[in-house]
């Protein structure tokens, strides 16, 4: 199995009624199509452009494993320290995120 690099982004929801984060709207629209754990959706090539705004802060990195069986230890994890604020409607759409590039 090849070695993988996973960038982990934390999202935080502050309060109901707070405005939506327009930066991540392309991602949120695609997540609406995922309703089962084995489904996925395609993203346009600019669908993750917003992430660049959060790559300038601190991060943590460690060697680890996949989070699902067979749990192979083939992953370098990068966990971003700064969380991305999102609105209530956007939180709901993160039920089963599984993304693949176009």
N, C-alpha and C. Protein backbone atom coordinates (compact mmCIF):
# COMPACT_ATOMS: atom_id res chain seq x y z
N UNK A 1 0.84 -1.18 0.00
CA UNK A 1 0.00 0.00 0.00
C UNK A 1 0.89 1.24 0.00
N UNK A 2 0.53 2.26 -0.82
CA UNK A 2 1.34 3.49 -0.86
C UNK A 2 1.19 4.29 0.43
N UNK A 3 2.18 5.15 0.68
CA UNK A 3 2.12 6.03 1.84
C UNK A 3 1.16 7.19 1.52
N UNK A 4 0.36 7.60 2.49
CA UNK A 4 -0.64 8.65 2.30
C UNK A 4 -0.32 9.87 3.16
N UNK A 5 -0.74 11.02 2.70
CA UNK A 5 -0.66 12.26 3.47
C UNK A 5 -2.08 12.76 3.66
N UNK A 6 -2.49 12.96 4.90
CA UNK A 6 -3.83 13.46 5.20
C UNK A 6 -3.70 14.79 5.93
N UNK A 7 -4.38 15.81 5.40
CA UNK A 7 -4.44 17.12 6.05
C UNK A 7 -5.78 17.20 6.76
N UNK A 8 -5.73 17.36 8.06
CA UNK A 8 -6.94 17.40 8.88
C UNK A 8 -7.30 18.84 9.22
N UNK A 9 -8.54 19.21 8.90
CA UNK A 9 -9.03 20.54 9.17
C UNK A 9 -10.16 20.42 10.19
N UNK A 10 -10.09 21.18 11.27
CA UNK A 10 -11.15 21.20 12.27
C UNK A 10 -12.11 22.34 11.94
N UNK A 11 -13.39 22.06 12.09
CA UNK A 11 -14.42 23.07 11.88
C UNK A 11 -15.07 23.37 13.21
N UNK A 12 -15.40 24.65 13.45
CA UNK A 12 -16.08 24.99 14.69
C UNK A 12 -17.36 25.77 14.38
N UNK A 13 -18.36 25.44 15.15
CA UNK A 13 -19.67 26.06 15.04
C UNK A 13 -19.88 26.87 16.29
N UNK A 14 -19.96 28.18 16.14
CA UNK A 14 -20.05 29.07 17.30
C UNK A 14 -21.45 29.16 17.86
N UNK A 15 -22.43 29.55 17.03
CA UNK A 15 -23.79 29.76 17.54
C UNK A 15 -24.79 29.73 16.40
N UNK A 16 -26.02 29.37 16.76
CA UNK A 16 -27.09 29.37 15.76
C UNK A 16 -27.33 30.81 15.29
N UNK A 17 -27.68 30.97 14.02
CA UNK A 17 -27.96 32.28 13.48
C UNK A 17 -26.74 33.00 12.93
N UNK A 18 -25.56 32.47 13.21
CA UNK A 18 -24.35 33.10 12.69
C UNK A 18 -24.29 32.86 11.18
N UNK A 19 -23.74 33.80 10.45
CA UNK A 19 -23.71 33.68 8.99
C UNK A 19 -22.86 32.49 8.54
N UNK A 20 -23.18 32.01 7.37
CA UNK A 20 -22.46 30.90 6.78
C UNK A 20 -21.08 31.36 6.30
N UNK A 21 -20.15 30.43 6.21
CA UNK A 21 -18.81 30.72 5.71
C UNK A 21 -18.83 30.53 4.19
N UNK A 22 -18.87 31.63 3.46
CA UNK A 22 -18.96 31.58 2.00
C UNK A 22 -17.74 30.92 1.35
N UNK A 23 -16.59 30.96 2.02
CA UNK A 23 -15.36 30.37 1.47
C UNK A 23 -15.53 28.88 1.19
N UNK A 24 -16.30 28.20 2.02
CA UNK A 24 -16.40 26.74 1.88
C UNK A 24 -17.69 26.30 1.21
N UNK A 25 -18.42 27.22 0.62
CA UNK A 25 -19.74 26.88 0.06
C UNK A 25 -19.67 25.85 -1.07
N UNK A 26 -18.65 25.90 -1.92
CA UNK A 26 -18.52 24.87 -2.97
C UNK A 26 -18.41 23.48 -2.37
N UNK A 27 -17.65 23.36 -1.30
CA UNK A 27 -17.51 22.08 -0.60
C UNK A 27 -18.84 21.66 0.01
N UNK A 28 -19.52 22.56 0.68
CA UNK A 28 -20.78 22.26 1.35
C UNK A 28 -21.84 21.79 0.35
N UNK A 29 -21.91 22.44 -0.80
CA UNK A 29 -22.90 22.05 -1.81
C UNK A 29 -22.68 20.61 -2.27
N UNK A 30 -21.43 20.19 -2.38
CA UNK A 30 -21.14 18.81 -2.80
C UNK A 30 -21.45 17.82 -1.68
N UNK A 31 -21.21 18.21 -0.45
CA UNK A 31 -21.46 17.31 0.67
C UNK A 31 -22.94 16.95 0.81
N UNK A 32 -23.83 17.81 0.32
CA UNK A 32 -25.26 17.52 0.37
C UNK A 32 -25.59 16.23 -0.38
N UNK A 33 -24.77 15.87 -1.35
CA UNK A 33 -25.03 14.69 -2.18
C UNK A 33 -24.61 13.38 -1.49
N UNK A 34 -23.91 13.49 -0.39
CA UNK A 34 -23.43 12.29 0.30
C UNK A 34 -24.38 11.97 1.44
N UNK A 35 -25.04 10.82 1.36
CA UNK A 35 -26.00 10.45 2.39
C UNK A 35 -25.75 9.07 2.97
N UNK A 36 -24.77 8.35 2.46
CA UNK A 36 -24.42 7.03 2.98
C UNK A 36 -22.91 6.99 3.19
N UNK A 37 -22.47 6.14 4.08
CA UNK A 37 -21.05 6.03 4.37
C UNK A 37 -20.20 5.54 3.22
N UNK A 38 -20.80 4.84 2.25
CA UNK A 38 -20.02 4.32 1.13
C UNK A 38 -20.17 5.17 -0.13
N UNK A 39 -20.77 6.35 -0.02
CA UNK A 39 -20.92 7.21 -1.19
C UNK A 39 -19.84 8.29 -1.20
N UNK A 40 -19.70 8.95 -2.34
CA UNK A 40 -18.71 10.01 -2.48
C UNK A 40 -19.22 11.01 -3.51
N UNK A 41 -18.51 12.10 -3.63
CA UNK A 41 -18.84 13.11 -4.63
C UNK A 41 -17.54 13.67 -5.22
N UNK A 42 -17.66 14.27 -6.37
CA UNK A 42 -16.51 14.89 -7.02
C UNK A 42 -16.50 16.38 -6.74
N UNK A 43 -15.32 16.94 -6.62
CA UNK A 43 -15.16 18.38 -6.41
C UNK A 43 -14.53 19.01 -7.63
N UNK A 44 -14.96 20.23 -7.94
CA UNK A 44 -14.28 20.98 -8.99
C UNK A 44 -12.86 21.26 -8.52
N UNK A 45 -11.97 21.54 -9.45
CA UNK A 45 -10.56 21.74 -9.10
C UNK A 45 -10.36 22.90 -8.13
N UNK A 46 -11.26 23.88 -8.11
CA UNK A 46 -11.12 25.00 -7.18
C UNK A 46 -11.94 24.81 -5.89
N UNK A 47 -12.51 23.64 -5.71
CA UNK A 47 -13.37 23.37 -4.58
C UNK A 47 -12.70 23.42 -3.23
N UNK A 48 -11.38 23.31 -3.20
CA UNK A 48 -10.65 23.37 -1.93
C UNK A 48 -9.72 24.58 -1.88
N UNK A 49 -9.91 25.55 -2.77
CA UNK A 49 -9.05 26.73 -2.80
C UNK A 49 -9.05 27.48 -1.47
N UNK A 50 -10.18 27.46 -0.76
CA UNK A 50 -10.31 28.15 0.53
C UNK A 50 -9.28 27.65 1.54
N UNK A 51 -8.84 26.41 1.40
CA UNK A 51 -7.92 25.81 2.37
C UNK A 51 -6.60 26.59 2.45
N UNK A 52 -6.20 27.21 1.35
CA UNK A 52 -4.96 27.98 1.34
C UNK A 52 -4.93 29.07 2.39
N UNK A 53 -6.08 29.62 2.73
CA UNK A 53 -6.16 30.67 3.75
C UNK A 53 -5.83 30.15 5.15
N UNK A 54 -5.88 28.85 5.35
CA UNK A 54 -5.67 28.27 6.68
C UNK A 54 -4.35 27.51 6.80
N UNK A 55 -3.58 27.47 5.72
CA UNK A 55 -2.31 26.73 5.74
C UNK A 55 -1.13 27.56 6.25
N UNK A 56 -1.37 28.79 6.64
CA UNK A 56 -0.28 29.65 7.07
C UNK A 56 -0.04 29.60 8.58
N UNK A 57 -0.94 28.99 9.33
CA UNK A 57 -0.79 28.91 10.78
C UNK A 57 0.02 27.70 11.22
N UNK A 58 -0.02 27.45 12.52
CA UNK A 58 0.69 26.30 13.08
C UNK A 58 -0.03 25.01 12.75
N UNK A 59 0.73 23.92 12.79
CA UNK A 59 0.14 22.61 12.54
C UNK A 59 0.92 21.56 13.34
N UNK A 60 0.33 20.41 13.48
CA UNK A 60 0.95 19.27 14.15
C UNK A 60 1.07 18.15 13.13
N UNK A 61 2.12 17.39 13.22
CA UNK A 61 2.29 16.27 12.30
C UNK A 61 2.77 15.03 13.04
N UNK A 62 2.31 13.89 12.57
CA UNK A 62 2.74 12.63 13.17
C UNK A 62 2.49 11.49 12.18
N UNK A 63 3.22 10.40 12.38
CA UNK A 63 3.03 9.19 11.59
C UNK A 63 1.92 8.39 12.26
N UNK A 64 1.02 7.83 11.46
CA UNK A 64 -0.07 7.08 12.05
C UNK A 64 -0.67 6.10 11.06
N UNK A 65 -1.91 5.76 11.32
CA UNK A 65 -2.57 4.73 10.52
C UNK A 65 -3.88 5.25 9.94
N UNK A 66 -4.44 4.46 9.04
CA UNK A 66 -5.77 4.73 8.53
C UNK A 66 -6.76 4.61 9.69
N UNK A 67 -7.89 5.29 9.60
CA UNK A 67 -8.86 5.23 10.70
C UNK A 67 -9.92 4.16 10.50
N UNK A 68 -9.83 3.44 9.39
CA UNK A 68 -10.76 2.35 9.12
C UNK A 68 -9.96 1.10 8.76
N UNK A 69 -10.54 -0.08 8.96
CA UNK A 69 -9.82 -1.32 8.62
C UNK A 69 -9.35 -1.28 7.18
N UNK A 70 -8.16 -1.72 6.91
CA UNK A 70 -7.28 -2.53 7.74
C UNK A 70 -6.36 -1.75 8.67
N UNK A 71 -6.57 -0.44 8.82
CA UNK A 71 -5.81 0.41 9.76
C UNK A 71 -4.29 0.33 9.54
N UNK A 72 -3.89 0.24 8.28
CA UNK A 72 -2.47 0.19 7.95
C UNK A 72 -1.76 1.45 8.44
N UNK A 73 -0.55 1.29 8.94
CA UNK A 73 0.25 2.42 9.41
C UNK A 73 1.03 3.02 8.26
N UNK A 74 0.31 3.71 7.39
CA UNK A 74 0.90 4.25 6.16
C UNK A 74 0.55 5.73 5.96
N UNK A 75 0.23 6.43 7.03
CA UNK A 75 -0.27 7.79 6.91
C UNK A 75 0.62 8.78 7.64
N UNK A 76 0.92 9.89 6.98
CA UNK A 76 1.48 11.05 7.66
C UNK A 76 0.31 12.01 7.85
N UNK A 77 -0.01 12.30 9.10
CA UNK A 77 -1.11 13.20 9.43
C UNK A 77 -0.57 14.61 9.64
N UNK A 78 -1.25 15.59 9.07
CA UNK A 78 -0.99 17.00 9.34
C UNK A 78 -2.30 17.58 9.87
N UNK A 79 -2.29 18.04 11.11
CA UNK A 79 -3.49 18.59 11.74
C UNK A 79 -3.30 20.09 11.91
N UNK A 80 -4.15 20.87 11.25
CA UNK A 80 -4.05 22.32 11.33
C UNK A 80 -4.55 22.80 12.69
N UNK A 81 -3.81 23.74 13.29
CA UNK A 81 -4.18 24.23 14.61
C UNK A 81 -5.41 25.14 14.58
N UNK A 82 -5.51 25.99 13.57
CA UNK A 82 -6.63 26.92 13.49
C UNK A 82 -7.86 26.25 12.89
N UNK A 83 -8.99 26.41 13.60
CA UNK A 83 -10.24 25.85 13.12
C UNK A 83 -10.93 26.82 12.17
N UNK A 84 -11.75 26.28 11.30
CA UNK A 84 -12.51 27.07 10.33
C UNK A 84 -13.93 27.23 10.88
N UNK A 85 -14.41 28.46 10.99
CA UNK A 85 -15.77 28.69 11.47
C UNK A 85 -16.77 28.41 10.36
N UNK A 86 -17.86 27.72 10.74
CA UNK A 86 -18.92 27.42 9.78
C UNK A 86 -20.27 27.67 10.42
N UNK A 87 -21.31 27.83 9.58
CA UNK A 87 -22.66 28.09 10.05
C UNK A 87 -23.44 26.80 10.29
N UNK A 88 -24.60 26.94 10.90
CA UNK A 88 -25.43 25.80 11.28
C UNK A 88 -25.78 24.91 10.09
N UNK A 89 -26.25 25.49 8.99
CA UNK A 89 -26.62 24.71 7.80
C UNK A 89 -25.41 23.95 7.27
N UNK A 90 -24.25 24.56 7.34
CA UNK A 90 -23.04 23.91 6.85
C UNK A 90 -22.64 22.73 7.75
N UNK A 91 -22.87 22.85 9.04
CA UNK A 91 -22.56 21.75 9.96
C UNK A 91 -23.36 20.50 9.57
N UNK A 92 -24.62 20.68 9.27
CA UNK A 92 -25.50 19.57 8.93
C UNK A 92 -24.99 18.80 7.72
N UNK A 93 -24.38 19.48 6.78
CA UNK A 93 -23.92 18.85 5.55
C UNK A 93 -22.62 18.06 5.71
N UNK A 94 -22.04 18.03 6.89
CA UNK A 94 -20.82 17.26 7.12
C UNK A 94 -21.11 15.89 7.71
N UNK A 95 -22.25 15.32 7.41
CA UNK A 95 -22.64 14.02 7.96
C UNK A 95 -21.69 12.90 7.55
N UNK A 96 -21.43 12.74 6.26
CA UNK A 96 -20.56 11.68 5.76
C UNK A 96 -19.59 12.23 4.72
N UNK A 97 -18.63 13.08 5.09
CA UNK A 97 -17.74 13.65 4.08
C UNK A 97 -16.76 12.63 3.51
N UNK A 98 -16.80 12.45 2.21
CA UNK A 98 -15.86 11.58 1.51
C UNK A 98 -15.66 12.23 0.14
N UNK A 99 -14.51 12.81 -0.10
CA UNK A 99 -14.30 13.63 -1.28
C UNK A 99 -13.26 13.04 -2.23
N UNK A 100 -13.49 13.21 -3.52
CA UNK A 100 -12.54 12.81 -4.55
C UNK A 100 -12.45 13.96 -5.55
N UNK A 101 -11.27 14.18 -6.09
CA UNK A 101 -11.07 15.26 -7.06
C UNK A 101 -11.58 14.88 -8.43
N UNK A 102 -12.05 15.86 -9.20
CA UNK A 102 -12.44 15.64 -10.60
C UNK A 102 -11.23 15.28 -11.43
